[in-house]
Amino acid sequence: MNNGRLLEIQCMRACLILDSDASDEDLAAALGCGADALLLRLGPCVEDDARRGARARACALIGAARQNSGAPKLFVDVAPVESELIDADLDALFGPGPDGVFLPACDGAASLQRLAVKLAVREAQAGIADGATGVGAFVGGDPAGVLALRSLAGASPRLAALAFDEAGLRAALGVAEGGGAAIETARALVVLAAASAGVPALAPPVRPGQEGAYAAARRDGFAGAMAADPGQAARLHDVFAPARIDKARNPRHRTPR
């Protein structure tokens, strides 16, 4: 296992999401925004020219980032393991090989382990070190995945982060914006499961101008967050700085004013 590379990935505090139709200017801005990681979307789970083009663009970006030692880690949002598209996604990406992939809806240890097997095969074929490819998991799009969070601890050393898919959970439950017992419970379970697995819990992205929500996420125990805009990366590094997280979790240790 390439533990050094995974340890670097597991320290992420700011992960910027890039849609499949991002412009070249957006990609250039993302590479230089200071995010720890970029998550490249491939678009709807349909085998068509758009998805094939998105895979090719992802490979090109991964190849370019390999030439820059200061580039962020590159993750790709692949199809669910149950989808027939997962193999096509991985076959296309393991030319250069991404730093990691994100499961769009993790249903527990079984999903993670099935993906780990597929990654091991591609790593061997591409001459990449066994275990070098990390796995991030979105939790929330399938409510069953929230209930299976406990199974993730120890399921695979590839696990790099758990990201709370609040929008996906709201859609699945038919819950509008605002609080709610199910949403708050799921939010807490993601934080607890990440702590149990020894990986960062990532809060959901917010719109520009709503960055105050990141401070609340830090107080709730999240170690980082997804970003929707390159300009949010610096704010995330500040909000989720290790010293700030320690103070948020241990308020009685704060320096008196």
C-alpha atoms as a PDB file:
ATOM      1  CA  MET A   1       0.000   0.000   0.000  1.00  0.00           C
ATOM      2  CA  ASN A   2       1.202   3.519  -0.836  1.00  0.00           C
ATOM      3  CA  ASN A   3       0.478   4.917   2.621  1.00  0.00           C
ATOM      4  CA  GLY A   4       2.383   8.181   2.129  1.00  0.00           C
ATOM      5  CA  ARG A   5       0.239   9.248  -0.797  1.00  0.00           C
ATOM      6  CA  LEU A   6      -2.956   8.325   1.026  1.00  0.00           C
ATOM      7  CA  LEU A   7      -1.900  10.254   4.120  1.00  0.00           C
ATOM      8  CA  GLU A   8      -1.479  13.355   1.951  1.00  0.00           C
ATOM      9  CA  ILE A   9      -4.945  12.865   0.487  1.00  0.00           C
ATOM     10  CA  GLN A  10      -6.497  12.308   3.920  1.00  0.00           C
ATOM     11  CA  CYS A  11      -5.330  15.768   5.071  1.00  0.00           C
ATOM     12  CA  MET A  12      -7.647  17.611   2.679  1.00  0.00           C
ATOM     13  CA  ARG A  13      -9.549  20.602   4.021  1.00  0.00           C
ATOM     14  CA  ALA A  14     -10.716  22.180   0.752  1.00  0.00           C
ATOM     15  CA  CYS A  15     -12.021  20.124  -2.176  1.00  0.00           C
ATOM     16  CA  LEU A  16     -13.275  22.139  -5.161  1.00  0.00           C
ATOM     17  CA  ILE A  17     -16.007  20.610  -7.327  1.00  0.00           C
ATOM     18  CA  LEU A  18     -15.675  21.106 -11.083  1.00  0.00           C
ATOM     19  CA  ASP A  19     -18.611  20.311 -13.349  1.00  0.00           C
ATOM     20  CA  SER A  20     -18.093  18.289 -16.510  1.00  0.00           C
ATOM     21  CA  ASP A  21     -18.718  21.359 -18.684  1.00  0.00           C
ATOM     22  CA  ALA A  22     -16.199  23.596 -16.884  1.00  0.00           C
ATOM     23  CA  SER A  23     -14.355  25.909 -19.273  1.00  0.00           C
ATOM     24  CA  ASP A  24     -10.594  25.902 -19.793  1.00  0.00           C
ATOM     25  CA  GLU A  25     -10.486  29.151 -17.813  1.00  0.00           C
ATOM     26  CA  ASP A  26     -12.345  27.471 -14.934  1.00  0.00           C
ATOM     27  CA  LEU A  27      -9.885  24.581 -14.977  1.00  0.00           C
ATOM     28  CA  ALA A  28      -6.887  26.922 -14.939  1.00  0.00           C
ATOM     29  CA  ALA A  29      -8.375  28.899 -12.042  1.00  0.00           C
ATOM     30  CA  ALA A  30      -9.080  25.687 -10.132  1.00  0.00           C
ATOM     31  CA  LEU A  31      -5.512  24.426 -10.468  1.00  0.00           C
ATOM     32  CA  GLY A  32      -4.167  27.637  -8.963  1.00  0.00           C
ATOM     33  CA  CYS A  33      -6.792  28.412  -6.326  1.00  0.00           C
ATOM     34  CA  GLY A  34      -5.046  26.678  -3.430  1.00  0.00           C
ATOM     35  CA  ALA A  35      -7.532  23.841  -2.936  1.00  0.00           C
ATOM     36  CA  ASP A  36      -6.104  20.600  -1.552  1.00  0.00           C
ATOM     37  CA  ALA A  37      -8.101  18.580  -4.071  1.00  0.00           C
ATOM     38  CA  LEU A  38     -10.277  18.967  -7.146  1.00  0.00           C
ATOM     39  CA  LEU A  39     -13.286  16.755  -7.793  1.00  0.00           C
ATOM     40  CA  LEU A  40     -13.951  16.389 -11.510  1.00  0.00           C
ATOM     41  CA  ARG A  41     -17.540  15.533 -12.400  1.00  0.00           C
ATOM     42  CA  LEU A  42     -18.239  13.344 -15.429  1.00  0.00           C
ATOM     43  CA  GLY A  43     -21.880  14.356 -15.840  1.00  0.00           C
ATOM     44  CA  PRO A  44     -25.043  12.229 -16.015  1.00  0.00           C
ATOM     45  CA  CYS A  45     -24.565   8.452 -15.817  1.00  0.00           C
ATOM     46  CA  VAL A  46     -25.218   7.866 -19.499  1.00  0.00           C
ATOM     47  CA  GLU A  47     -22.713   6.383 -21.940  1.00  0.00           C
ATOM     48  CA  ASP A  48     -22.695   9.121 -24.571  1.00  0.00           C
ATOM     49  CA  ASP A  49     -20.319  11.522 -26.285  1.00  0.00           C
ATOM     50  CA  ALA A  50     -20.572  14.010 -23.425  1.00  0.00           C
ATOM     51  CA  ARG A  51     -19.398  11.493 -20.832  1.00  0.00           C
ATOM     52  CA  ARG A  52     -16.641  10.170 -23.078  1.00  0.00           C
ATOM     53  CA  GLY A  53     -15.496  13.742 -23.623  1.00  0.00           C
ATOM     54  CA  ALA A  54     -15.545  14.412 -19.881  1.00  0.00           C
ATOM     55  CA  ARG A  55     -13.370  11.351 -19.280  1.00  0.00           C
ATOM     56  CA  ALA A  56     -10.873  12.560 -21.885  1.00  0.00           C
ATOM     57  CA  ARG A  57     -10.753  16.035 -20.322  1.00  0.00           C
ATOM     58  CA  ALA A  58     -10.231  14.509 -16.879  1.00  0.00           C
ATOM     59  CA  CYS A  59      -7.318  12.442 -18.173  1.00  0.00           C
ATOM     60  CA  ALA A  60      -5.768  15.502 -19.812  1.00  0.00           C
ATOM     61  CA  LEU A  61      -6.061  17.492 -16.585  1.00  0.00           C
ATOM     62  CA  ILE A  62      -4.563  14.652 -14.552  1.00  0.00           C
ATOM     63  CA  GLY A  63      -1.666  14.434 -16.994  1.00  0.00           C
ATOM     64  CA  ALA A  64      -1.057  18.184 -16.807  1.00  0.00           C
ATOM     65  CA  ALA A  65      -1.201  18.179 -13.012  1.00  0.00           C
ATOM     66  CA  ARG A  66       1.418  15.432 -12.890  1.00  0.00           C
ATOM     67  CA  GLN A  67       3.887  17.969 -14.323  1.00  0.00           C
ATOM     68  CA  ASN A  68       3.286  20.376 -11.422  1.00  0.00           C
ATOM     69  CA  SER A  69       4.390  19.232  -7.969  1.00  0.00           C
ATOM     70  CA  GLY A  70       2.255  21.924  -6.353  1.00  0.00           C
ATOM     71  CA  ALA A  71      -0.976  20.949  -8.101  1.00  0.00           C
ATOM     72  CA  PRO A  72      -3.953  19.820  -5.996  1.00  0.00           C
ATOM     73  CA  LYS A  73      -4.855  16.150  -5.728  1.00  0.00           C
ATOM     74  CA  LEU A  74      -7.255  15.136  -8.483  1.00  0.00           C
ATOM     75  CA  PHE A  75     -10.343  13.056  -7.798  1.00  0.00           C
ATOM     76  CA  VAL A  76     -12.957  11.965 -10.316  1.00  0.00           C
ATOM     77  CA  ASP A  77     -16.631  11.395  -9.504  1.00  0.00           C
ATOM     78  CA  VAL A  78     -17.205   7.967 -11.066  1.00  0.00           C
ATOM     79  CA  ALA A  79     -20.416   6.025 -11.607  1.00  0.00           C
ATOM     80  CA  PRO A  80     -21.877   3.927  -8.752  1.00  0.00           C
ATOM     81  CA  VAL A  81     -20.328   0.474  -8.399  1.00  0.00           C
ATOM     82  CA  GLU A  82     -23.671  -1.063  -9.361  1.00  0.00           C
ATOM     83  CA  SER A  83     -23.652   0.761 -12.707  1.00  0.00           C
ATOM     84  CA  GLU A  84     -22.272  -0.779 -15.871  1.00  0.00           C
ATOM     85  CA  LEU A  85     -20.545   2.560 -16.489  1.00  0.00           C
ATOM     86  CA  ILE A  86     -18.106   2.151 -13.596  1.00  0.00           C
ATOM     87  CA  ASP A  87     -15.787  -0.101 -15.592  1.00  0.00           C
ATOM     88  CA  ALA A  88     -15.760   2.242 -18.588  1.00  0.00           C
ATOM     89  CA  ASP A  89     -14.996   5.177 -16.282  1.00  0.00           C
ATOM     90  CA  LEU A  90     -12.093   3.412 -14.590  1.00  0.00           C
ATOM     91  CA  ASP A  91     -10.686   1.980 -17.833  1.00  0.00           C
ATOM     92  CA  ALA A  92     -10.536   5.484 -19.312  1.00  0.00           C
ATOM     93  CA  LEU A  93      -9.018   7.127 -16.224  1.00  0.00           C
ATOM     94  CA  PHE A  94      -6.241   4.632 -15.609  1.00  0.00           C
ATOM     95  CA  GLY A  95      -3.993   5.907 -18.306  1.00  0.00           C
ATOM     96  CA  PRO A  96      -2.555   8.593 -16.058  1.00  0.00           C
ATOM     97  CA  GLY A  97      -4.473   7.387 -12.998  1.00  0.00           C
ATOM     98  CA  PRO A  98      -6.191   9.897 -10.689  1.00  0.00           C
ATOM     99  CA  ASP A  99      -5.146  10.452  -7.079  1.00  0.00           C
ATOM    100  CA  GLY A 100      -8.554   9.165  -6.120  1.00  0.00           C
ATOM    101  CA  VAL A 101     -12.157   8.644  -7.090  1.00  0.00           C
ATOM    102  CA  PHE A 102     -15.397   9.576  -5.357  1.00  0.00           C
ATOM    103  CA  LEU A 103     -18.320   7.227  -4.993  1.00  0.00           C
ATOM    104  CA  PRO A 104     -21.459   9.272  -5.705  1.00  0.00           C
ATOM    105  CA  ALA A 105     -23.529   7.284  -3.203  1.00  0.00           C
ATOM    106  CA  CYS A 106     -21.751   4.925  -0.835  1.00  0.00           C
ATOM    107  CA  ASP A 107     -24.032   2.223   0.597  1.00  0.00           C
ATOM    108  CA  GLY A 108     -21.537   0.960   3.162  1.00  0.00           C
ATOM    109  CA  ALA A 109     -18.537  -1.349   3.332  1.00  0.00           C
ATOM    110  CA  ALA A 110     -19.688  -3.539   0.439  1.00  0.00           C
ATOM    111  CA  SER A 111     -19.659  -0.630  -2.041  1.00  0.00           C
ATOM    112  CA  LEU A 112     -16.252   0.528  -0.853  1.00  0.00           C
ATOM    113  CA  GLN A 113     -14.724  -2.934  -1.030  1.00  0.00           C
ATOM    114  CA  ARG A 114     -16.118  -3.670  -4.495  1.00  0.00           C
ATOM    115  CA  LEU A 115     -14.602  -0.443  -5.769  1.00  0.00           C
ATOM    116  CA  ALA A 116     -11.295  -1.232  -4.042  1.00  0.00           C
ATOM    117  CA  VAL A 117     -11.060  -4.512  -5.978  1.00  0.00           C
ATOM    118  CA  LYS A 118     -11.689  -2.722  -9.282  1.00  0.00           C
ATOM    119  CA  LEU A 119      -9.048  -0.112  -8.458  1.00  0.00           C
ATOM    120  CA  ALA A 120      -6.472  -2.769  -7.566  1.00  0.00           C
ATOM    121  CA  VAL A 121      -6.914  -4.395 -10.979  1.00  0.00           C
ATOM    122  CA  ARG A 122      -6.460  -1.071 -12.817  1.00  0.00           C
ATOM    123  CA  GLU A 123      -3.431  -0.137 -10.725  1.00  0.00           C
ATOM    124  CA  ALA A 124      -1.758  -3.436 -11.562  1.00  0.00           C
ATOM    125  CA  GLN A 125      -2.511  -3.007 -15.263  1.00  0.00           C
ATOM    126  CA  ALA A 126      -1.181   0.575 -15.291  1.00  0.00           C
ATOM    127  CA  GLY A 127       1.933  -0.157 -13.221  1.00  0.00           C
ATOM    128  CA  ILE A 128       0.697   2.045 -10.360  1.00  0.00           C
ATOM    129  CA  ALA A 129       1.541   1.111  -6.772  1.00  0.00           C
ATOM    130  CA  ASP A 130      -1.073  -1.057  -5.090  1.00  0.00           C
ATOM    131  CA  GLY A 131      -3.332   1.067  -2.912  1.00  0.00           C
ATOM    132  CA  ALA A 132      -2.166   4.393  -4.346  1.00  0.00           C
ATOM    133  CA  THR A 133      -5.655   5.439  -5.424  1.00  0.00           C
ATOM    134  CA  GLY A 134      -7.797   6.830  -2.636  1.00  0.00           C
ATOM    135  CA  VAL A 135     -11.571   6.686  -2.374  1.00  0.00           C
ATOM    136  CA  GLY A 136     -13.807   9.490  -1.208  1.00  0.00           C
ATOM    137  CA  ALA A 137     -17.428   8.642  -0.478  1.00  0.00           C
ATOM    138  CA  PHE A 138     -20.494  10.836  -0.695  1.00  0.00           C
ATOM    139  CA  VAL A 139     -23.067   9.892   1.919  1.00  0.00           C
ATOM    140  CA  GLY A 140     -26.690  10.993   1.818  1.00  0.00           C
ATOM    141  CA  GLY A 141     -27.958  10.444  -1.714  1.00  0.00           C
ATOM    142  CA  ASP A 142     -29.226   7.033  -0.592  1.00  0.00           C
ATOM    143  CA  PRO A 143     -30.650   7.085   2.963  1.00  0.00           C
ATOM    144  CA  ALA A 144     -29.622   3.441   3.357  1.00  0.00           C
ATOM    145  CA  GLY A 145     -26.018   4.576   3.085  1.00  0.00           C
ATOM    146  CA  VAL A 146     -26.438   6.806   6.126  1.00  0.00           C
ATOM    147  CA  LEU A 147     -27.660   3.830   8.143  1.00  0.00           C
ATOM    148  CA  ALA A 148     -24.669   1.770   6.967  1.00  0.00           C
ATOM    149  CA  LEU A 149     -22.014   4.317   7.933  1.00  0.00           C
ATOM    150  CA  ARG A 150     -20.816   2.292  10.886  1.00  0.00           C
ATOM    151  CA  SER A 151     -19.587  -0.427   8.521  1.00  0.00           C
ATOM    152  CA  LEU A 152     -17.016   1.856   6.873  1.00  0.00           C
ATOM    153  CA  ALA A 153     -14.526   1.860   9.758  1.00  0.00           C
ATOM    154  CA  GLY A 154     -11.783  -0.578   8.784  1.00  0.00           C
ATOM    155  CA  ALA A 155     -13.514  -1.537   5.519  1.00  0.00           C
ATOM    156  CA  SER A 156     -10.616  -0.397   3.305  1.00  0.00           C
ATOM    157  CA  PRO A 157      -7.358   1.514   3.814  1.00  0.00           C
ATOM    158  CA  ARG A 158      -8.188   3.368   0.590  1.00  0.00           C
ATOM    159  CA  LEU A 159     -10.921   5.409   2.270  1.00  0.00           C
ATOM    160  CA  ALA A 160      -9.760   9.037   2.135  1.00  0.00           C
ATOM    161  CA  ALA A 161     -12.787  11.123   3.161  1.00  0.00           C
ATOM    162  CA  LEU A 162     -16.529  11.074   3.817  1.00  0.00           C
ATOM    163  CA  ALA A 163     -18.495  13.923   2.258  1.00  0.00           C
ATOM    164  CA  PHE A 164     -22.013  14.747   3.396  1.00  0.00           C
ATOM    165  CA  ASP A 165     -24.342  14.961   0.391  1.00  0.00           C
ATOM    166  CA  GLU A 166     -26.997  17.097   2.059  1.00  0.00           C
ATOM    167  CA  ALA A 167     -28.661  18.054  -1.221  1.00  0.00           C
ATOM    168  CA  GLY A 168     -28.938  14.397  -2.217  1.00  0.00           C
ATOM    169  CA  LEU A 169     -30.450  13.436   1.115  1.00  0.00           C
ATOM    170  CA  ARG A 170     -32.958  16.290   0.967  1.00  0.00           C
ATOM    171  CA  ALA A 171     -34.009  15.162  -2.505  1.00  0.00           C
ATOM    172  CA  ALA A 172     -34.336  11.544  -1.382  1.00  0.00           C
ATOM    173  CA  LEU A 173     -36.470  12.511   1.612  1.00  0.00           C
ATOM    174  CA  GLY A 174     -38.434  15.286  -0.081  1.00  0.00           C
ATOM    175  CA  VAL A 175     -37.257  17.760   2.560  1.00  0.00           C
ATOM    176  CA  ALA A 176     -37.075  21.451   1.681  1.00  0.00           C
ATOM    177  CA  GLU A 177     -34.365  23.872   2.766  1.00  0.00           C
ATOM    178  CA  GLY A 178     -33.939  24.364   6.483  1.00  0.00           C
ATOM    179  CA  GLY A 179     -33.359  22.124   9.481  1.00  0.00           C
ATOM    180  CA  GLY A 180     -34.945  18.801  10.185  1.00  0.00           C
ATOM    181  CA  ALA A 181     -34.305  15.865  12.489  1.00  0.00           C
ATOM    182  CA  ALA A 182     -33.282  13.473   9.693  1.00  0.00           C
ATOM    183  CA  ILE A 183     -30.865  15.953   8.114  1.00  0.00           C
ATOM    184  CA  GLU A 184     -29.244  16.881  11.436  1.00  0.00           C
ATOM    185  CA  THR A 185     -28.975  13.231  12.465  1.00  0.00           C
ATOM    186  CA  ALA A 186     -27.331  12.278   9.171  1.00  0.00           C
ATOM    187  CA  ARG A 187     -24.951  15.221   9.471  1.00  0.00           C
ATOM    188  CA  ALA A 188     -23.841  14.056  12.911  1.00  0.00           C
ATOM    189  CA  LEU A 189     -23.516  10.432  11.784  1.00  0.00           C
ATOM    190  CA  VAL A 190     -21.176  11.413   8.941  1.00  0.00           C
ATOM    191  CA  VAL A 191     -18.906  13.233  11.405  1.00  0.00           C
ATOM    192  CA  LEU A 192     -18.924  10.296  13.810  1.00  0.00           C
ATOM    193  CA  ALA A 193     -18.313   7.723  11.073  1.00  0.00           C
ATOM    194  CA  ALA A 194     -15.402   9.723   9.656  1.00  0.00           C
ATOM    195  CA  ALA A 195     -13.831  10.015  13.102  1.00  0.00           C
ATOM    196  CA  SER A 196     -14.272   6.280  13.629  1.00  0.00           C
ATOM    197  CA  ALA A 197     -12.644   5.537  10.263  1.00  0.00           C
ATOM    198  CA  GLY A 198      -9.831   8.034  10.835  1.00  0.00           C
ATOM    199  CA  VAL A 199     -10.603  10.181   7.787  1.00  0.00           C
ATOM    200  CA  PRO A 200     -11.848  13.774   7.384  1.00  0.00           C
ATOM    201  CA  ALA A 201     -15.559  14.535   7.262  1.00  0.00           C
ATOM    202  CA  LEU A 202     -16.256  17.091   4.526  1.00  0.00           C
ATOM    203  CA  ALA A 203     -19.190  19.485   4.809  1.00  0.00           C
ATOM    204  CA  PRO A 204     -21.353  20.166   1.731  1.00  0.00           C
ATOM    205  CA  PRO A 205     -20.620  23.130  -0.554  1.00  0.00           C
ATOM    206  CA  VAL A 206     -22.367  26.458  -0.118  1.00  0.00           C
ATOM    207  CA  ARG A 207     -23.119  29.266  -2.532  1.00  0.00           C
ATOM    208  CA  PRO A 208     -20.745  32.250  -2.643  1.00  0.00           C
ATOM    209  CA  GLY A 209     -21.771  34.638   0.100  1.00  0.00           C
ATOM    210  CA  GLN A 210     -22.918  31.856   2.452  1.00  0.00           C
ATOM    211  CA  GLU A 211     -19.464  30.878   3.723  1.00  0.00           C
ATOM    212  CA  GLY A 212     -20.575  31.442   7.328  1.00  0.00           C
ATOM    213  CA  ALA A 213     -21.986  27.920   7.147  1.00  0.00           C
ATOM    214  CA  TYR A 214     -18.438  26.580   7.030  1.00  0.00           C
ATOM    215  CA  ALA A 215     -17.715  27.901  10.536  1.00  0.00           C
ATOM    216  CA  ALA A 216     -20.825  26.111  11.795  1.00  0.00           C
ATOM    217  CA  ALA A 217     -19.616  22.916  10.105  1.00  0.00           C
ATOM    218  CA  ARG A 218     -16.259  23.256  11.834  1.00  0.00           C
ATOM    219  CA  ARG A 219     -17.988  23.555  15.214  1.00  0.00           C
ATOM    220  CA  ASP A 220     -20.010  20.429  14.381  1.00  0.00           C
ATOM    221  CA  GLY A 221     -16.820  18.425  13.880  1.00  0.00           C
ATOM    222  CA  PHE A 222     -16.222  18.589  10.121  1.00  0.00           C
ATOM    223  CA  ALA A 223     -12.531  18.723   9.209  1.00  0.00           C
ATOM    224  CA  GLY A 224     -13.023  20.376   5.820  1.00  0.00           C
ATOM    225  CA  ALA A 225     -15.587  21.035   3.139  1.00  0.00           C
ATOM    226  CA  MET A 226     -16.428  20.841  -0.530  1.00  0.00           C
ATOM    227  CA  ALA A 227     -16.231  24.157  -2.372  1.00  0.00           C
ATOM    228  CA  ALA A 228     -18.371  25.397  -5.227  1.00  0.00           C
ATOM    229  CA  ASP A 229     -16.144  28.320  -6.227  1.00  0.00           C
ATOM    230  CA  PRO A 230     -12.327  28.685  -6.479  1.00  0.00           C
ATOM    231  CA  GLY A 231     -12.494  31.801  -4.322  1.00  0.00           C
ATOM    232  CA  GLN A 232     -13.684  29.722  -1.366  1.00  0.00           C
ATOM    233  CA  ALA A 233     -10.485  27.656  -1.055  1.00  0.00           C
ATOM    234  CA  ALA A 234      -8.547  30.215   0.989  1.00  0.00           C
ATOM    235  CA  ARG A 235     -11.534  30.706   3.307  1.00  0.00           C
ATOM    236  CA  LEU A 236     -11.741  26.963   3.877  1.00  0.00           C
ATOM    237  CA  HIS A 237      -8.062  26.741   4.801  1.00  0.00           C
ATOM    238  CA  ASP A 238      -8.602  29.491   7.337  1.00  0.00           C
ATOM    239  CA  VAL A 239     -11.833  28.122   8.802  1.00  0.00           C
ATOM    240  CA  PHE A 240     -10.581  24.549   9.017  1.00  0.00           C
ATOM    241  CA  ALA A 241      -7.024  25.299  10.137  1.00  0.00           C
ATOM    242  CA  PRO A 242      -5.992  22.646  12.698  1.00  0.00           C
ATOM    243  CA  ALA A 243      -5.614  25.224  15.499  1.00  0.00           C
ATOM    244  CA  ARG A 244      -9.138  26.539  14.876  1.00  0.00           C
ATOM    245  CA  ILE A 245     -10.581  23.030  14.858  1.00  0.00           C
ATOM    246  CA  ASP A 246      -8.863  22.232  18.160  1.00  0.00           C
ATOM    247  CA  LYS A 247     -10.300  25.391  19.744  1.00  0.00           C
ATOM    248  CA  ALA A 248     -13.776  24.658  18.393  1.00  0.00           C
ATOM    249  CA  ARG A 249     -13.705  21.146  19.858  1.00  0.00           C
ATOM    250  CA  ASN A 250     -12.112  22.196  23.159  1.00  0.00           C
ATOM    251  CA  PRO A 251     -13.574  25.638  23.973  1.00  0.00           C
ATOM    252  CA  ARG A 252     -12.363  25.611  27.576  1.00  0.00           C
ATOM    253  CA  HIS A 253      -8.781  25.599  26.274  1.00  0.00           C
ATOM    254  CA  ARG A 254      -9.190  28.891  24.429  1.00  0.00           C
ATOM    255  CA  THR A 255      -6.982  31.764  25.428  1.00  0.00           C
ATOM    256  CA  PRO A 256      -8.909  34.238  27.647  1.00  0.00           C
ATOM    257  CA  ARG A 257      -9.456  37.656  26.172  1.00  0.00           C
END
